[in-house]
Amino acid sequence: MTTSIKLQIKSVYGNEMIYPACETSKTLANLTRKKTLDGRDLEMIKSLGYTIEWVNAYQMA
């Protein structure tokens, strides 16, 4: 099991949204039954021992 996940911030209609950017973070987002994550979700993920890596759209390609 990896201990880090990758997340990406995207601006959607002027609102900054946090999207999963790796398979592990997508699985964690599926557990919340949402497509995006919020601050509360991030705190819970950190409490599970994961570290967060932020990526941008240019690093994804």
PDB file of N, CA and C in Angstrom:
ATOM      1  N   MET A   1       0.840  -1.181   0.000  1.00  0.00           N
ATOM      2  CA  MET A   1       0.000   0.000   0.000  1.00  0.00           C
ATOM      3  C   MET A   1       0.884   1.243   0.000  1.00  0.00           C
ATOM      4  N   THR A   2       0.569   2.167  -0.873  1.00  0.00           N
ATOM      5  CA  THR A   2       1.314   3.417  -0.891  1.00  0.00           C
ATOM      6  C   THR A   2       0.811   4.327   0.218  1.00  0.00           C
ATOM      7  N   THR A   3       1.688   5.142   0.736  1.00  0.00           N
ATOM      8  CA  THR A   3       1.289   6.023   1.818  1.00  0.00           C
ATOM      9  C   THR A   3       1.112   7.457   1.354  1.00  0.00           C
ATOM     10  N   SER A   4       1.186   7.691   0.063  1.00  0.00           N
ATOM     11  CA  SER A   4       0.924   9.030  -0.443  1.00  0.00           C
ATOM     12  C   SER A   4      -0.125   8.952  -1.550  1.00  0.00           C
ATOM     13  N   ILE A   5      -0.886  10.015  -1.653  1.00  0.00           N
ATOM     14  CA  ILE A   5      -1.877  10.111  -2.722  1.00  0.00           C
ATOM     15  C   ILE A   5      -1.636  11.411  -3.469  1.00  0.00           C
ATOM     16  N   LYS A   6      -2.104  11.457  -4.701  1.00  0.00           N
ATOM     17  CA  LYS A   6      -1.953  12.648  -5.531  1.00  0.00           C
ATOM     18  C   LYS A   6      -3.317  13.292  -5.721  1.00  0.00           C
ATOM     19  N   LEU A   7      -3.343  14.606  -5.508  1.00  0.00           N
ATOM     20  CA  LEU A   7      -4.569  15.381  -5.686  1.00  0.00           C
ATOM     21  C   LEU A   7      -4.282  16.569  -6.579  1.00  0.00           C
ATOM     22  N   GLN A   8      -5.334  17.063  -7.213  1.00  0.00           N
ATOM     23  CA  GLN A   8      -5.203  18.181  -8.133  1.00  0.00           C
ATOM     24  C   GLN A   8      -6.303  19.198  -7.845  1.00  0.00           C
ATOM     25  N   ILE A   9      -5.953  20.475  -7.850  1.00  0.00           N
ATOM     26  CA  ILE A   9      -6.946  21.539  -7.678  1.00  0.00           C
ATOM     27  C   ILE A   9      -7.309  22.077  -9.052  1.00  0.00           C
ATOM     28  N   LYS A  10      -8.600  22.121  -9.333  1.00  0.00           N
ATOM     29  CA  LYS A  10      -9.106  22.678 -10.581  1.00  0.00           C
ATOM     30  C   LYS A  10     -10.107  23.772 -10.247  1.00  0.00           C
ATOM     31  N   SER A  11     -10.116  24.802 -11.075  1.00  0.00           N
ATOM     32  CA  SER A  11     -11.086  25.880 -10.915  1.00  0.00           C
ATOM     33  C   SER A  11     -12.306  25.552 -11.772  1.00  0.00           C
ATOM     34  N   VAL A  12     -13.458  25.434 -11.123  1.00  0.00           N
ATOM     35  CA  VAL A  12     -14.697  25.117 -11.818  1.00  0.00           C
ATOM     36  C   VAL A  12     -15.687  26.247 -11.538  1.00  0.00           C
ATOM     37  N   TYR A  13     -15.982  27.025 -12.571  1.00  0.00           N
ATOM     38  CA  TYR A  13     -16.878  28.175 -12.435  1.00  0.00           C
ATOM     39  C   TYR A  13     -16.441  29.087 -11.291  1.00  0.00           C
ATOM     40  N   GLY A  14     -15.128  29.287 -11.162  1.00  0.00           N
ATOM     41  CA  GLY A  14     -14.586  30.173 -10.155  1.00  0.00           C
ATOM     42  C   GLY A  14     -14.392  29.544  -8.782  1.00  0.00           C
ATOM     43  N   ASN A  15     -14.800  28.303  -8.603  1.00  0.00           N
ATOM     44  CA  ASN A  15     -14.621  27.598  -7.330  1.00  0.00           C
ATOM     45  C   ASN A  15     -13.474  26.613  -7.470  1.00  0.00           C
ATOM     46  N   GLU A  16     -12.568  26.621  -6.482  1.00  0.00           N
ATOM     47  CA  GLU A  16     -11.463  25.671  -6.507  1.00  0.00           C
ATOM     48  C   GLU A  16     -11.923  24.345  -5.918  1.00  0.00           C
ATOM     49  N   MET A  17     -11.797  23.290  -6.713  1.00  0.00           N
ATOM     50  CA  MET A  17     -12.241  21.959  -6.325  1.00  0.00           C
ATOM     51  C   MET A  17     -11.029  21.027  -6.267  1.00  0.00           C
ATOM     52  N   ILE A  18     -11.066  20.060  -5.347  1.00  0.00           N
ATOM     53  CA  ILE A  18      -9.965  19.107  -5.185  1.00  0.00           C
ATOM     54  C   ILE A  18     -10.374  17.784  -5.818  1.00  0.00           C
ATOM     55  N   TYR A  19      -9.624  17.382  -6.841  1.00  0.00           N
ATOM     56  CA  TYR A  19      -9.911  16.150  -7.568  1.00  0.00           C
ATOM     57  C   TYR A  19      -8.834  15.109  -7.315  1.00  0.00           C
ATOM     58  N   PRO A  20      -9.204  13.842  -7.254  1.00  0.00           N
ATOM     59  CA  PRO A  20      -8.196  12.780  -7.133  1.00  0.00           C
ATOM     60  C   PRO A  20      -7.378  12.677  -8.417  1.00  0.00           C
ATOM     61  N   ALA A  21      -6.081  12.368  -8.275  1.00  0.00           N
ATOM     62  CA  ALA A  21      -5.209  12.295  -9.448  1.00  0.00           C
ATOM     63  C   ALA A  21      -4.418  10.988  -9.506  1.00  0.00           C
ATOM     64  N   CYS A  22      -4.795  10.002  -8.689  1.00  0.00           N
ATOM     65  CA  CYS A  22      -4.168   8.681  -8.751  1.00  0.00           C
ATOM     66  C   CYS A  22      -5.232   7.648  -8.366  1.00  0.00           C
ATOM     67  N   GLU A  23      -4.920   6.402  -8.571  1.00  0.00           N
ATOM     68  CA  GLU A  23      -5.903   5.348  -8.307  1.00  0.00           C
ATOM     69  C   GLU A  23      -6.292   5.274  -6.835  1.00  0.00           C
ATOM     70  N   THR A  24      -5.325   5.448  -5.943  1.00  0.00           N
ATOM     71  CA  THR A  24      -5.628   5.383  -4.508  1.00  0.00           C
ATOM     72  C   THR A  24      -6.550   6.517  -4.099  1.00  0.00           C
ATOM     73  N   SER A  25      -6.266   7.732  -4.585  1.00  0.00           N
ATOM     74  CA  SER A  25      -7.123   8.863  -4.224  1.00  0.00           C
ATOM     75  C   SER A  25      -8.504   8.732  -4.858  1.00  0.00           C
ATOM     76  N   LYS A  26      -8.590   8.120  -6.035  1.00  0.00           N
ATOM     77  CA  LYS A  26      -9.901   7.883  -6.654  1.00  0.00           C
ATOM     78  C   LYS A  26     -10.713   6.895  -5.823  1.00  0.00           C
ATOM     79  N   THR A  27     -10.052   5.884  -5.291  1.00  0.00           N
ATOM     80  CA  THR A  27     -10.725   4.909  -4.432  1.00  0.00           C
ATOM     81  C   THR A  27     -11.227   5.573  -3.158  1.00  0.00           C
ATOM     82  N   LEU A  28     -10.398   6.427  -2.556  1.00  0.00           N
ATOM     83  CA  LEU A  28     -10.816   7.135  -1.348  1.00  0.00           C
ATOM     84  C   LEU A  28     -11.984   8.077  -1.635  1.00  0.00           C
ATOM     85  N   ALA A  29     -11.968   8.729  -2.806  1.00  0.00           N
ATOM     86  CA  ALA A  29     -13.079   9.606  -3.185  1.00  0.00           C
ATOM     87  C   ALA A  29     -14.350   8.787  -3.389  1.00  0.00           C
ATOM     88  N   ASN A  30     -14.221   7.590  -3.948  1.00  0.00           N
ATOM     89  CA  ASN A  30     -15.383   6.722  -4.124  1.00  0.00           C
ATOM     90  C   ASN A  30     -16.003   6.334  -2.792  1.00  0.00           C
ATOM     91  N   LEU A  31     -15.178   6.172  -1.772  1.00  0.00           N
ATOM     92  CA  LEU A  31     -15.693   5.855  -0.440  1.00  0.00           C
ATOM     93  C   LEU A  31     -16.562   6.990   0.109  1.00  0.00           C
ATOM     94  N   THR A  32     -16.241   8.226  -0.279  1.00  0.00           N
ATOM     95  CA  THR A  32     -17.042   9.373   0.168  1.00  0.00           C
ATOM     96  C   THR A  32     -18.282   9.576  -0.701  1.00  0.00           C
ATOM     97  N   ARG A  33     -18.360   8.810  -1.795  1.00  0.00           N
ATOM     98  CA  ARG A  33     -19.460   8.910  -2.763  1.00  0.00           C
ATOM     99  C   ARG A  33     -19.558  10.290  -3.394  1.00  0.00           C
ATOM    100  N   LYS A  34     -18.385  10.916  -3.575  1.00  0.00           N
ATOM    101  CA  LYS A  34     -18.301  12.217  -4.231  1.00  0.00           C
ATOM    102  C   LYS A  34     -17.200  12.168  -5.279  1.00  0.00           C
ATOM    103  N   LYS A  35     -17.265  13.073  -6.248  1.00  0.00           N
ATOM    104  CA  LYS A  35     -16.217  13.155  -7.261  1.00  0.00           C
ATOM    105  C   LYS A  35     -15.056  14.014  -6.801  1.00  0.00           C
ATOM    106  N   THR A  36     -15.317  14.911  -5.851  1.00  0.00           N
ATOM    107  CA  THR A  36     -14.273  15.784  -5.327  1.00  0.00           C
ATOM    108  C   THR A  36     -14.141  15.567  -3.828  1.00  0.00           C
ATOM    109  N   LEU A  37     -13.048  16.070  -3.286  1.00  0.00           N
ATOM    110  CA  LEU A  37     -12.805  15.954  -1.851  1.00  0.00           C
ATOM    111  C   LEU A  37     -12.851  17.351  -1.229  1.00  0.00           C
ATOM    112  N   ASP A  38     -13.144  17.432   0.053  1.00  0.00           N
ATOM    113  CA  ASP A  38     -13.145  18.717   0.750  1.00  0.00           C
ATOM    114  C   ASP A  38     -12.180  18.645   1.935  1.00  0.00           C
ATOM    115  N   GLY A  39     -12.103  19.720   2.688  1.00  0.00           N
ATOM    116  CA  GLY A  39     -11.173  19.806   3.805  1.00  0.00           C
ATOM    117  C   GLY A  39     -11.369  18.717   4.834  1.00  0.00           C
ATOM    118  N   ARG A  40     -12.601  18.401   5.135  1.00  0.00           N
ATOM    119  CA  ARG A  40     -12.897  17.347   6.117  1.00  0.00           C
ATOM    120  C   ARG A  40     -12.397  15.998   5.605  1.00  0.00           C
ATOM    121  N   ASP A  41     -12.613  15.736   4.326  1.00  0.00           N
ATOM    122  CA  ASP A  41     -12.133  14.487   3.728  1.00  0.00           C
ATOM    123  C   ASP A  41     -10.610  14.401   3.824  1.00  0.00           C
ATOM    124  N   LEU A  42      -9.927  15.517   3.559  1.00  0.00           N
ATOM    125  CA  LEU A  42      -8.466  15.521   3.607  1.00  0.00           C
ATOM    126  C   LEU A  42      -7.961  15.246   5.016  1.00  0.00           C
ATOM    127  N   GLU A  43      -8.615  15.791   6.015  1.00  0.00           N
ATOM    128  CA  GLU A  43      -8.209  15.533   7.400  1.00  0.00           C
ATOM    129  C   GLU A  43      -8.369  14.060   7.745  1.00  0.00           C
ATOM    130  N   MET A  44      -9.456  13.447   7.297  1.00  0.00           N
ATOM    131  CA  MET A  44      -9.674  12.026   7.564  1.00  0.00           C
ATOM    132  C   MET A  44      -8.639  11.161   6.836  1.00  0.00           C
ATOM    133  N   ILE A  45      -8.317  11.536   5.604  1.00  0.00           N
ATOM    134  CA  ILE A  45      -7.319  10.796   4.834  1.00  0.00           C
ATOM    135  C   ILE A  45      -5.956  10.898   5.515  1.00  0.00           C
ATOM    136  N   LYS A  46      -5.604  12.091   5.990  1.00  0.00           N
ATOM    137  CA  LYS A  46      -4.334  12.271   6.705  1.00  0.00           C
ATOM    138  C   LYS A  46      -4.315  11.443   7.983  1.00  0.00           C
ATOM    139  N   SER A  47      -5.451  11.341   8.664  1.00  0.00           N
ATOM    140  CA  SER A  47      -5.494  10.571   9.907  1.00  0.00           C
ATOM    141  C   SER A  47      -5.295   9.076   9.642  1.00  0.00           C
ATOM    142  N   LEU A  48      -5.537   8.628   8.430  1.00  0.00           N
ATOM    143  CA  LEU A  48      -5.283   7.236   8.051  1.00  0.00           C
ATOM    144  C   LEU A  48      -3.808   6.983   7.741  1.00  0.00           C
ATOM    145  N   GLY A  49      -3.001   8.050   7.746  1.00  0.00           N
ATOM    146  CA  GLY A  49      -1.572   7.897   7.522  1.00  0.00           C
ATOM    147  C   GLY A  49      -1.100   8.252   6.124  1.00  0.00           C
ATOM    148  N   TYR A  50      -1.968   8.756   5.291  1.00  0.00           N
ATOM    149  CA  TYR A  50      -1.577   9.151   3.935  1.00  0.00           C
ATOM    150  C   TYR A  50      -0.963  10.538   3.941  1.00  0.00           C
ATOM    151  N   THR A  51      -0.005  10.748   3.051  1.00  0.00           N
ATOM    152  CA  THR A  51       0.501  12.089   2.796  1.00  0.00           C
ATOM    153  C   THR A  51      -0.041  12.528   1.441  1.00  0.00           C
ATOM    154  N   ILE A  52      -0.154  13.824   1.258  1.00  0.00           N
ATOM    155  CA  ILE A  52      -0.774  14.359   0.049  1.00  0.00           C
ATOM    156  C   ILE A  52       0.272  15.021  -0.819  1.00  0.00           C
ATOM    157  N   GLU A  53       0.294  14.635  -2.088  1.00  0.00           N
ATOM    158  CA  GLU A  53       1.129  15.276  -3.097  1.00  0.00           C
ATOM    159  C   GLU A  53       0.199  16.049  -4.017  1.00  0.00           C
ATOM    160  N   TRP A  54       0.504  17.329  -4.191  1.00  0.00           N
ATOM    161  CA  TRP A  54      -0.320  18.155  -5.076  1.00  0.00           C
ATOM    162  C   TRP A  54       0.328  18.173  -6.458  1.00  0.00           C
ATOM    163  N   VAL A  55      -0.460  17.932  -7.479  1.00  0.00           N
ATOM    164  CA  VAL A  55       0.025  17.962  -8.855  1.00  0.00           C
ATOM    165  C   VAL A  55      -0.795  18.983  -9.628  1.00  0.00           C
ATOM    166  N   ASN A  56      -0.217  19.455 -10.733  1.00  0.00           N
ATOM    167  CA  ASN A  56      -0.991  20.328 -11.600  1.00  0.00           C
ATOM    168  C   ASN A  56      -1.221  19.634 -12.928  1.00  0.00           C
ATOM    169  N   ALA A  57      -2.027  20.228 -13.768  1.00  0.00           N
ATOM    170  CA  ALA A  57      -2.438  19.584 -15.006  1.00  0.00           C
ATOM    171  C   ALA A  57      -1.240  19.276 -15.912  1.00  0.00           C
ATOM    172  N   TYR A  58      -0.193  20.083 -15.852  1.00  0.00           N
ATOM    173  CA  TYR A  58       0.971  19.869 -16.709  1.00  0.00           C
ATOM    174  C   TYR A  58       1.792  18.658 -16.270  1.00  0.00           C
ATOM    175  N   GLN A  59       1.756  18.327 -14.985  1.00  0.00           N
ATOM    176  CA  GLN A  59       2.475  17.159 -14.501  1.00  0.00           C
ATOM    177  C   GLN A  59       1.730  15.869 -14.807  1.00  0.00           C
ATOM    178  N   MET A  60       0.444  15.959 -15.060  1.00  0.00           N
ATOM    179  CA  MET A  60      -0.376  14.761 -15.303  1.00  0.00           C
ATOM    180  C   MET A  60      -0.054  14.136 -16.661  1.00  0.00           C
ATOM    181  N   ALA A  61       0.326  14.920 -17.636  1.00  0.00           N
ATOM    182  CA  ALA A  61       0.518  14.419 -18.999  1.00  0.00           C
ATOM    183  C   ALA A  61       1.800  13.647 -19.162  1.00  0.00           C
TER     184      ALA A  61
END
